[in-house]
Amino acid sequence: MPVSTIAFGTVYGSIDLDGEQIPVAVDEPSMREVARLAGGESFSATSEGELRNVYAALGEEIGYETKQVDVSKPWLAGGTLATMAGLGSAFAFGRRIP
């Protein structure tokens, strides 16, 4: 299953933690490598608008397929086995079948 990555932010990104500025730069080369190894695509966004565009592009590629599958056979087999087990236990314990 392919995995795509989105690098969101800038190389100058930082956060304020207890009054201290801590750099949290985006590592785009690593994100690209993860996507390449996983068979997906790599995207980058530096703003909310760009991120929305990336999600819109991904939304067009990702989807699902509905399949109609007959699941009655396992239930029929299970019911038959339960009936056979009931008959077998009736014979084993000497009771008559009604």
PDB file of N, CA and C in Angstrom:
ATOM      1  N   MET A   1       0.843  -1.152   0.000  1.00  0.00           N
ATOM      2  CA  MET A   1       0.000   0.000   0.000  1.00  0.00           C
ATOM      3  C   MET A   1       0.902   1.232   0.000  1.00  0.00           C
ATOM      4  N   PRO A   2       0.754   2.094  -0.985  1.00  0.00           N
ATOM      5  CA  PRO A   2       1.589   3.288  -1.048  1.00  0.00           C
ATOM      6  C   PRO A   2       1.282   4.272   0.084  1.00  0.00           C
ATOM      7  N   VAL A   3       2.324   4.928   0.548  1.00  0.00           N
ATOM      8  CA  VAL A   3       2.191   5.943   1.594  1.00  0.00           C
ATOM      9  C   VAL A   3       2.715   7.263   1.053  1.00  0.00           C
ATOM     10  N   SER A   4       1.880   8.280   1.058  1.00  0.00           N
ATOM     11  CA  SER A   4       2.295   9.615   0.634  1.00  0.00           C
ATOM     12  C   SER A   4       2.575  10.460   1.871  1.00  0.00           C
ATOM     13  N   THR A   5       3.480  11.426   1.715  1.00  0.00           N
ATOM     14  CA  THR A   5       3.837  12.294   2.832  1.00  0.00           C
ATOM     15  C   THR A   5       3.550  13.751   2.484  1.00  0.00           C
ATOM     16  N   ILE A   6       3.292  14.536   3.514  1.00  0.00           N
ATOM     17  CA  ILE A   6       3.089  15.976   3.351  1.00  0.00           C
ATOM     18  C   ILE A   6       4.010  16.682   4.340  1.00  0.00           C
ATOM     19  N   ALA A   7       4.965  17.434   3.814  1.00  0.00           N
ATOM     20  CA  ALA A   7       5.838  18.256   4.650  1.00  0.00           C
ATOM     21  C   ALA A   7       5.165  19.614   4.793  1.00  0.00           C
ATOM     22  N   PHE A   8       4.699  19.928   5.994  1.00  0.00           N
ATOM     23  CA  PHE A   8       3.972  21.185   6.224  1.00  0.00           C
ATOM     24  C   PHE A   8       4.785  22.077   7.145  1.00  0.00           C
ATOM     25  N   GLY A   9       5.170  23.219   6.653  1.00  0.00           N
ATOM     26  CA  GLY A   9       5.945  24.171   7.437  1.00  0.00           C
ATOM     27  C   GLY A   9       7.087  24.728   6.601  1.00  0.00           C
ATOM     28  N   THR A  10       8.039  25.359   7.277  1.00  0.00           N
ATOM     29  CA  THR A  10       9.194  25.940   6.590  1.00  0.00           C
ATOM     30  C   THR A  10      10.471  25.510   7.295  1.00  0.00           C
ATOM     31  N   VAL A  11      11.596  25.765   6.654  1.00  0.00           N
ATOM     32  CA  VAL A  11      12.885  25.444   7.274  1.00  0.00           C
ATOM     33  C   VAL A  11      13.184  26.395   8.425  1.00  0.00           C
ATOM     34  N   TYR A  12      12.431  27.491   8.517  1.00  0.00           N
ATOM     35  CA  TYR A  12      12.634  28.469   9.584  1.00  0.00           C
ATOM     36  C   TYR A  12      11.603  28.322  10.701  1.00  0.00           C
ATOM     37  N   GLY A  13      10.826  27.265  10.681  1.00  0.00           N
ATOM     38  CA  GLY A  13       9.773  27.093  11.674  1.00  0.00           C
ATOM     39  C   GLY A  13      10.320  26.926  13.083  1.00  0.00           C
ATOM     40  N   SER A  14       9.589  27.453  14.054  1.00  0.00           N
ATOM     41  CA  SER A  14       9.974  27.297  15.455  1.00  0.00           C
ATOM     42  C   SER A  14       8.720  27.387  16.319  1.00  0.00           C
ATOM     43  N   ILE A  15       8.853  26.862  17.535  1.00  0.00           N
ATOM     44  CA  ILE A  15       7.760  26.957  18.500  1.00  0.00           C
ATOM     45  C   ILE A  15       8.291  27.618  19.768  1.00  0.00           C
ATOM     46  N   ASP A  16       7.388  28.189  20.532  1.00  0.00           N
ATOM     47  CA  ASP A  16       7.745  28.818  21.801  1.00  0.00           C
ATOM     48  C   ASP A  16       7.364  27.848  22.910  1.00  0.00           C
ATOM     49  N   LEU A  17       8.362  27.344  23.631  1.00  0.00           N
ATOM     50  CA  LEU A  17       8.124  26.404  24.718  1.00  0.00           C
ATOM     51  C   LEU A  17       8.694  26.997  26.001  1.00  0.00           C
ATOM     52  N   ASP A  18       7.811  27.418  26.869  1.00  0.00           N
ATOM     53  CA  ASP A  18       8.214  28.036  28.143  1.00  0.00           C
ATOM     54  C   ASP A  18       9.146  29.224  27.925  1.00  0.00           C
ATOM     55  N   GLY A  19       8.829  30.041  26.918  1.00  0.00           N
ATOM     56  CA  GLY A  19       9.622  31.234  26.646  1.00  0.00           C
ATOM     57  C   GLY A  19      10.868  30.989  25.823  1.00  0.00           C
ATOM     58  N   GLU A  20      11.124  29.753  25.456  1.00  0.00           N
ATOM     59  CA  GLU A  20      12.317  29.422  24.669  1.00  0.00           C
ATOM     60  C   GLU A  20      11.894  29.063  23.248  1.00  0.00           C
ATOM     61  N   GLN A  21      12.560  29.651  22.252  1.00  0.00           N
ATOM     62  CA  GLN A  21      12.279  29.348  20.843  1.00  0.00           C
ATOM     63  C   GLN A  21      13.018  28.067  20.458  1.00  0.00           C
ATOM     64  N   ILE A  22      12.253  27.065  20.026  1.00  0.00           N
ATOM     65  CA  ILE A  22      12.831  25.779  19.634  1.00  0.00           C
ATOM     66  C   ILE A  22      12.582  25.590  18.147  1.00  0.00           C
ATOM     67  N   PRO A  23      13.653  25.368  17.362  1.00  0.00           N
ATOM     68  CA  PRO A  23      13.470  25.184  15.916  1.00  0.00           C
ATOM     69  C   PRO A  23      12.780  23.853  15.607  1.00  0.00           C
ATOM     70  N   VAL A  24      11.820  23.907  14.709  1.00  0.00           N
ATOM     71  CA  VAL A  24      11.103  22.705  14.256  1.00  0.00           C
ATOM     72  C   VAL A  24      11.021  22.737  12.727  1.00  0.00           C
ATOM     73  N   ALA A  25      12.178  22.787  12.119  1.00  0.00           N
ATOM     74  CA  ALA A  25      12.243  22.886  10.660  1.00  0.00           C
ATOM     75  C   ALA A  25      11.711  21.616  10.007  1.00  0.00           C
ATOM     76  N   VAL A  26      11.109  21.777   8.842  1.00  0.00           N
ATOM     77  CA  VAL A  26      10.608  20.642   8.066  1.00  0.00           C
ATOM     78  C   VAL A  26      11.791  19.930   7.422  1.00  0.00           C
ATOM     79  N   ASP A  27      11.801  18.605   7.487  1.00  0.00           N
ATOM     80  CA  ASP A  27      12.861  17.807   6.874  1.00  0.00           C
ATOM     81  C   ASP A  27      12.320  17.198   5.584  1.00  0.00           C
ATOM     82  N   GLU A  28      12.246  18.021   4.533  1.00  0.00           N
ATOM     83  CA  GLU A  28      11.670  17.555   3.265  1.00  0.00           C
ATOM     84  C   GLU A  28      12.417  16.375   2.655  1.00  0.00           C
ATOM     85  N   PRO A  29      13.767  16.346   2.678  1.00  0.00           N
ATOM     86  CA  PRO A  29      14.450  15.178   2.088  1.00  0.00           C
ATOM     87  C   PRO A  29      14.028  13.854   2.735  1.00  0.00           C
ATOM     88  N   SER A  30      13.876  13.849   4.052  1.00  0.00           N
ATOM     89  CA  SER A  30      13.451  12.613   4.732  1.00  0.00           C
ATOM     90  C   SER A  30      12.023  12.241   4.355  1.00  0.00           C
ATOM     91  N   MET A  31      11.159  13.244   4.254  1.00  0.00           N
ATOM     92  CA  MET A  31       9.767  12.981   3.872  1.00  0.00           C
ATOM     93  C   MET A  31       9.696  12.420   2.452  1.00  0.00           C
ATOM     94  N   ARG A  32      10.504  12.972   1.551  1.00  0.00           N
ATOM     95  CA  ARG A  32      10.534  12.456   0.173  1.00  0.00           C
ATOM     96  C   ARG A  32      11.031  11.013   0.142  1.00  0.00           C
ATOM     97  N   GLU A  33      12.038  10.709   0.969  1.00  0.00           N
ATOM     98  CA  GLU A  33      12.590   9.356   1.006  1.00  0.00           C
ATOM     99  C   GLU A  33      11.562   8.356   1.536  1.00  0.00           C
ATOM    100  N   VAL A  34      10.823   8.731   2.563  1.00  0.00           N
ATOM    101  CA  VAL A  34       9.773   7.852   3.093  1.00  0.00           C
ATOM    102  C   VAL A  34       8.743   7.559   2.010  1.00  0.00           C
ATOM    103  N   ALA A  35       8.303   8.599   1.308  1.00  0.00           N
ATOM    104  CA  ALA A  35       7.309   8.414   0.245  1.00  0.00           C
ATOM    105  C   ALA A  35       7.866   7.547  -0.878  1.00  0.00           C
ATOM    106  N   ARG A  36       9.134   7.770  -1.228  1.00  0.00           N
ATOM    107  CA  ARG A  36       9.741   6.983  -2.309  1.00  0.00           C
ATOM    108  C   ARG A  36       9.814   5.508  -1.917  1.00  0.00           C
ATOM    109  N   LEU A  37      10.283   5.225  -0.713  1.00  0.00           N
ATOM    110  CA  LEU A  37      10.400   3.837  -0.256  1.00  0.00           C
ATOM    111  C   LEU A  37       9.043   3.158  -0.134  1.00  0.00           C
ATOM    112  N   ALA A  38       8.006   3.927   0.183  1.00  0.00           N
ATOM    113  CA  ALA A  38       6.664   3.368   0.371  1.00  0.00           C
ATOM    114  C   ALA A  38       5.836   3.391  -0.911  1.00  0.00           C
ATOM    115  N   GLY A  39       6.423   3.848  -2.013  1.00  0.00           N
ATOM    116  CA  GLY A  39       5.704   3.840  -3.286  1.00  0.00           C
ATOM    117  C   GLY A  39       4.667   4.931  -3.422  1.00  0.00           C
ATOM    118  N   GLY A  40       4.756   5.956  -2.586  1.00  0.00           N
ATOM    119  CA  GLY A  40       3.785   7.047  -2.642  1.00  0.00           C
ATOM    120  C   GLY A  40       4.379   8.308  -3.239  1.00  0.00           C
ATOM    121  N   GLU A  41       3.712   9.414  -2.985  1.00  0.00           N
ATOM    122  CA  GLU A  41       4.167  10.710  -3.469  1.00  0.00           C
ATOM    123  C   GLU A  41       4.496  11.598  -2.284  1.00  0.00           C
ATOM    124  N   SER A  42       5.367  12.573  -2.526  1.00  0.00           N
ATOM    125  CA  SER A  42       5.727  13.527  -1.498  1.00  0.00           C
ATOM    126  C   SER A  42       5.197  14.900  -1.879  1.00  0.00           C
ATOM    127  N   PHE A  43       4.580  15.565  -0.921  1.00  0.00           N
ATOM    128  CA  PHE A  43       4.038  16.906  -1.136  1.00  0.00           C
ATOM    129  C   PHE A  43       4.628  17.832  -0.083  1.00  0.00           C
ATOM    130  N   SER A  44       4.660  19.117  -0.399  1.00  0.00           N
ATOM    131  CA  SER A  44       5.077  20.096   0.601  1.00  0.00           C
ATOM    132  C   SER A  44       4.123  21.276   0.560  1.00  0.00           C
ATOM    133  N   ALA A  45       3.945  21.889   1.720  1.00  0.00           N
ATOM    134  CA  ALA A  45       3.066  23.050   1.838  1.00  0.00           C
ATOM    135  C   ALA A  45       3.637  23.969   2.906  1.00  0.00           C
ATOM    136  N   THR A  46       3.631  25.264   2.609  1.00  0.00           N
ATOM    137  CA  THR A  46       4.140  26.233   3.578  1.00  0.00           C
ATOM    138  C   THR A  46       3.039  27.119   4.140  1.00  0.00           C
ATOM    139  N   SER A  47       1.819  26.932   3.663  1.00  0.00           N
ATOM    140  CA  SER A  47       0.699  27.738   4.162  1.00  0.00           C
ATOM    141  C   SER A  47      -0.560  26.879   4.223  1.00  0.00           C
ATOM    142  N   GLU A  48      -1.571  27.409   4.877  1.00  0.00           N
ATOM    143  CA  GLU A  48      -2.837  26.685   4.979  1.00  0.00           C
ATOM    144  C   GLU A  48      -3.463  26.478   3.603  1.00  0.00           C
ATOM    145  N   GLY A  49      -3.376  27.478   2.747  1.00  0.00           N
ATOM    146  CA  GLY A  49      -3.932  27.364   1.396  1.00  0.00           C
ATOM    147  C   GLY A  49      -3.256  26.274   0.589  1.00  0.00           C
ATOM    148  N   GLU A  50      -1.920  26.209   0.673  1.00  0.00           N
ATOM    149  CA  GLU A  50      -1.195  25.150  -0.034  1.00  0.00           C
ATOM    150  C   GLU A  50      -1.557  23.777   0.525  1.00  0.00           C
ATOM    151  N   LEU A  51      -1.728  23.697   1.841  1.00  0.00           N
ATOM    152  CA  LEU A  51      -2.102  22.423   2.462  1.00  0.00           C
ATOM    153  C   LEU A  51      -3.479  21.975   1.987  1.00  0.00           C
ATOM    154  N   ARG A  52      -4.411  22.906   1.871  1.00  0.00           N
ATOM    155  CA  ARG A  52      -5.743  22.568   1.346  1.00  0.00           C
ATOM    156  C   ARG A  52      -5.641  22.042  -0.084  1.00  0.00           C
ATOM    157  N   ASN A  53      -4.778  22.655  -0.894  1.00  0.00           N
ATOM    158  CA  ASN A  53      -4.589  22.198  -2.274  1.00  0.00           C
ATOM    159  C   ASN A  53      -4.012  20.788  -2.318  1.00  0.00           C
ATOM    160  N   VAL A  54      -3.068  20.500  -1.421  1.00  0.00           N
ATOM    161  CA  VAL A  54      -2.478  19.154  -1.370  1.00  0.00           C
ATOM    162  C   VAL A  54      -3.550  18.131  -1.003  1.00  0.00           C
ATOM    163  N   TYR A  55      -4.357  18.441   0.015  1.00  0.00           N
ATOM    164  CA  TYR A  55      -5.428  17.517   0.411  1.00  0.00           C
ATOM    165  C   TYR A  55      -6.455  17.342  -0.707  1.00  0.00           C
ATOM    166  N   ALA A  56      -6.724  18.403  -1.435  1.00  0.00           N
ATOM    167  CA  ALA A  56      -7.664  18.292  -2.557  1.00  0.00           C
ATOM    168  C   ALA A  56      -7.099  17.375  -3.629  1.00  0.00           C
ATOM    169  N   ALA A  57      -5.801  17.506  -3.917  1.00  0.00           N
ATOM    170  CA  ALA A  57      -5.164  16.641  -4.914  1.00  0.00           C
ATOM    171  C   ALA A  57      -5.168  15.187  -4.450  1.00  0.00           C
ATOM    172  N   LEU A  58      -4.874  14.966  -3.180  1.00  0.00           N
ATOM    173  CA  LEU A  58      -4.890  13.600  -2.650  1.00  0.00           C
ATOM    174  C   LEU A  58      -6.298  13.023  -2.653  1.00  0.00           C
ATOM    175  N   GLY A  59      -7.285  13.852  -2.366  1.00  0.00           N
ATOM    176  CA  GLY A  59      -8.670  13.389  -2.347  1.00  0.00           C
ATOM    177  C   GLY A  59      -9.134  12.877  -3.691  1.00  0.00           C
ATOM    178  N   GLU A  60      -8.573  13.426  -4.762  1.00  0.00           N
ATOM    179  CA  GLU A  60      -8.935  12.959  -6.100  1.00  0.00           C
ATOM    180  C   GLU A  60      -8.296  11.615  -6.413  1.00  0.00           C
ATOM    181  N   GLU A  61      -7.142  11.324  -5.795  1.00  0.00           N
ATOM    182  CA  GLU A  61      -6.424  10.077  -6.066  1.00  0.00           C
ATOM    183  C   GLU A  61      -6.897   8.928  -5.184  1.00  0.00           C
ATOM    184  N   ILE A  62      -7.281   9.254  -3.962  1.00  0.00           N
ATOM    185  CA  ILE A  62      -7.662   8.224  -2.995  1.00  0.00           C
ATOM    186  C   ILE A  62      -9.163   8.012  -3.074  1.00  0.00           C
ATOM    187  N   GLY A  63      -9.569   6.779  -3.100  1.00  0.00           N
ATOM    188  CA  GLY A  63     -10.993   6.484  -3.167  1.00  0.00           C
ATOM    189  C   GLY A  63     -11.267   5.093  -2.643  1.00  0.00           C
ATOM    190  N   TYR A  64     -12.430   4.606  -2.939  1.00  0.00           N
ATOM    191  CA  TYR A  64     -12.788   3.261  -2.528  1.00  0.00           C
ATOM    192  C   TYR A  64     -13.657   2.637  -3.603  1.00  0.00           C
ATOM    193  N   GLU A  65     -13.753   1.337  -3.536  1.00  0.00           N
ATOM    194  CA  GLU A  65     -14.524   0.579  -4.516  1.00  0.00           C
ATOM    195  C   GLU A  65     -15.515  -0.295  -3.765  1.00  0.00           C
ATOM    196  N   THR A  66     -16.766  -0.262  -4.169  1.00  0.00           N
ATOM    197  CA  THR A  66     -17.803  -1.069  -3.539  1.00  0.00           C
ATOM    198  C   THR A  66     -17.979  -2.356  -4.330  1.00  0.00           C
ATOM    199  N   LYS A  67     -17.972  -3.485  -3.622  1.00  0.00           N
ATOM    200  CA  LYS A  67     -18.156  -4.783  -4.270  1.00  0.00           C
ATOM    201  C   LYS A  67     -19.347  -5.484  -3.641  1.00  0.00           C
ATOM    202  N   GLN A  68     -20.141  -6.138  -4.474  1.00  0.00           N
ATOM    203  CA  GLN A  68     -21.231  -6.977  -3.996  1.00  0.00           C
ATOM    204  C   GLN A  68     -20.675  -8.393  -3.831  1.00  0.00           C
ATOM    205  N   VAL A  69     -20.738  -8.922  -2.625  1.00  0.00           N
ATOM    206  CA  VAL A  69     -20.190 -10.243  -2.340  1.00  0.00           C
ATOM    207  C   VAL A  69     -21.269 -11.075  -1.651  1.00  0.00           C
ATOM    208  N   ASP A  70     -21.432 -12.326  -2.103  1.00  0.00           N
ATOM    209  CA  ASP A  70     -22.399 -13.234  -1.492  1.00  0.00           C
ATOM    210  C   ASP A  70     -21.775 -13.847  -0.241  1.00  0.00           C
ATOM    211  N   VAL A  71     -22.340 -13.567   0.905  1.00  0.00           N
ATOM    212  CA  VAL A  71     -21.819 -14.092   2.164  1.00  0.00           C
ATOM    213  C   VAL A  71     -22.757 -15.132   2.776  1.00  0.00           C
ATOM    214  N   SER A  72     -23.700 -15.640   1.996  1.00  0.00           N
ATOM    215  CA  SER A  72     -24.666 -16.594   2.540  1.00  0.00           C
ATOM    216  C   SER A  72     -24.078 -17.996   2.680  1.00  0.00           C
ATOM    217  N   LYS A  73     -23.092 -18.357   1.881  1.00  0.00           N
ATOM    218  CA  LYS A  73     -22.544 -19.719   1.940  1.00  0.00           C
ATOM    219  C   LYS A  73     -21.952 -20.066   3.305  1.00  0.00           C
ATOM    220  N   PRO A  74     -21.136 -19.207   3.921  1.00  0.00           N
ATOM    221  CA  PRO A  74     -20.624 -19.563   5.251  1.00  0.00           C
ATOM    222  C   PRO A  74     -21.735 -19.731   6.289  1.00  0.00           C
ATOM    223  N   TRP A  75     -22.781 -18.900   6.216  1.00  0.00           N
ATOM    224  CA  TRP A  75     -23.893 -19.032   7.152  1.00  0.00           C
ATOM    225  C   TRP A  75     -24.653 -20.333   6.917  1.00  0.00           C
ATOM    226  N   LEU A  76     -24.834 -20.715   5.666  1.00  0.00           N
ATOM    227  CA  LEU A  76     -25.499 -21.974   5.344  1.00  0.00           C
ATOM    228  C   LEU A  76     -24.674 -23.151   5.855  1.00  0.00           C
ATOM    229  N   ALA A  77     -23.359 -23.087   5.635  1.00  0.00           N
ATOM    230  CA  ALA A  77     -22.487 -24.162   6.108  1.00  0.00           C
ATOM    231  C   ALA A  77     -22.507 -24.232   7.635  1.00  0.00           C
ATOM    232  N   GLY A  78     -22.473 -23.085   8.305  1.00  0.00           N
ATOM    233  CA  GLY A  78     -22.516 -23.066   9.769  1.00  0.00           C
ATOM    234  C   GLY A  78     -23.816 -23.623  10.302  1.00  0.00           C
ATOM    235  N   GLY A  79     -24.934 -23.275   9.674  1.00  0.00           N
ATOM    236  CA  GLY A  79     -26.233 -23.800  10.093  1.00  0.00           C
ATOM    237  C   GLY A  79     -26.323 -25.299   9.893  1.00  0.00           C
ATOM    238  N   THR A  80     -25.797 -25.771   8.776  1.00  0.00           N
ATOM    239  CA  THR A  80     -25.795 -27.214   8.503  1.00  0.00           C
ATOM    240  C   THR A  80     -24.957 -27.948   9.539  1.00  0.00           C
ATOM    241  N   LEU A  81     -23.784 -27.413   9.860  1.00  0.00           N
ATOM    242  CA  LEU A  81     -22.925 -28.046  10.862  1.00  0.00           C
ATOM    243  C   LEU A  81     -23.584 -28.050  12.243  1.00  0.00           C
ATOM    244  N   ALA A  82     -24.257 -26.967  12.597  1.00  0.00           N
ATOM    245  CA  ALA A  82     -24.938 -26.911  13.889  1.00  0.00           C
ATOM    246  C   ALA A  82     -26.057 -27.948  13.953  1.00  0.00           C
ATOM    247  N   THR A  83     -26.785 -28.116  12.854  1.00  0.00           N
ATOM    248  CA  THR A  83     -27.855 -29.117  12.797  1.00  0.00           C
ATOM    249  C   THR A  83     -27.279 -30.518  12.921  1.00  0.00           C
ATOM    250  N   MET A  84     -26.182 -30.769  12.209  1.00  0.00           N
ATOM    251  CA  MET A  84     -25.541 -32.092  12.263  1.00  0.00           C
ATOM    252  C   MET A  84     -25.015 -32.374  13.672  1.00  0.00           C
ATOM    253  N   ALA A  85     -24.455 -31.343  14.322  1.00  0.00           N
ATOM    254  CA  ALA A  85     -23.957 -31.526  15.685  1.00  0.00           C
ATOM    255  C   ALA A  85     -25.111 -31.826  16.638  1.00  0.00           C
ATOM    256  N   GLY A  86     -26.232 -31.165  16.449  1.00  0.00           N
ATOM    257  CA  GLY A  86     -27.407 -31.430  17.282  1.00  0.00           C
ATOM    258  C   GLY A  86     -27.922 -32.841  17.088  1.00  0.00           C
ATOM    259  N   LEU A  87     -27.986 -33.275  15.836  1.00  0.00           N
ATOM    260  CA  LEU A  87     -28.432 -34.646  15.562  1.00  0.00           C
ATOM    261  C   LEU A  87     -27.456 -35.661  16.137  1.00  0.00           C
ATOM    262  N   GLY A  88     -26.163 -35.386  15.974  1.00  0.00           N
ATOM    263  CA  GLY A  88     -25.144 -36.302  16.502  1.00  0.00           C
ATOM    264  C   GLY A  88     -25.215 -36.425  18.009  1.00  0.00           C
ATOM    265  N   SER A  89     -25.403 -35.299  18.697  1.00  0.00           N
ATOM    266  CA  SER A  89     -25.486 -35.369  20.158  1.00  0.00           C
ATOM    267  C   SER A  89     -26.779 -36.057  20.602  1.00  0.00           C
ATOM    268  N   ALA A  90     -27.852 -35.909  19.836  1.00  0.00           N
ATOM    269  CA  ALA A  90     -29.107 -36.585  20.177  1.00  0.00           C
ATOM    270  C   ALA A  90     -28.925 -38.094  20.082  1.00  0.00           C
ATOM    271  N   PHE A  91     -28.247 -38.547  19.036  1.00  0.00           N
ATOM    272  CA  PHE A  91     -27.996 -39.989  18.901  1.00  0.00           C
ATOM    273  C   PHE A  91     -27.019 -40.467  19.965  1.00  0.00           C
ATOM    274  N   ALA A  92     -26.009 -39.649  20.295  1.00  0.00           N
ATOM    275  CA  ALA A  92     -24.992 -40.059  21.264  1.00  0.00           C
ATOM    276  C   ALA A  92     -25.573 -40.208  22.664  1.00  0.00           C
ATOM    277  N   PHE A  93     -26.530 -39.401  23.010  1.00  0.00           N
ATOM    278  CA  PHE A  93     -27.107 -39.461  24.345  1.00  0.00           C
ATOM    279  C   PHE A  93     -28.393 -40.274  24.384  1.00  0.00           C
ATOM    280  N   GLY A  94     -28.734 -40.948  23.291  1.00  0.00           N
ATOM    281  CA  GLY A  94     -29.846 -41.871  23.259  1.00  0.00           C
ATOM    282  C   GLY A  94     -31.221 -41.248  23.205  1.00  0.00           C
ATOM    283  N   ARG A  95     -31.329 -40.006  22.899  1.00  0.00           N
ATOM    284  CA  ARG A  95     -32.655 -39.395  22.805  1.00  0.00           C
ATOM    285  C   ARG A  95     -33.181 -39.561  21.396  1.00  0.00           C
ATOM    286  N   ARG A  96     -34.470 -39.584  21.327  1.00  0.00           N
ATOM    287  CA  ARG A  96     -35.092 -39.698  20.012  1.00  0.00           C
ATOM    288  C   ARG A  96     -35.210 -38.322  19.393  1.00  0.00           C
ATOM    289  N   ILE A  97     -35.213 -38.309  18.089  1.00  0.00           N
ATOM    290  CA  ILE A  97     -35.393 -37.060  17.351  1.00  0.00           C
ATOM    291  C   ILE A  97     -36.877 -36.770  17.309  1.00  0.00           C
ATOM    292  N   PRO A  98     -37.305 -35.575  17.670  1.00  0.00           N
ATOM    293  CA  PRO A  98     -38.741 -35.276  17.663  1.00  0.00           C
ATOM    294  C   PRO A  98     -39.315 -35.287  16.266  1.00  0.00           C
TER     295      PRO A  98
END
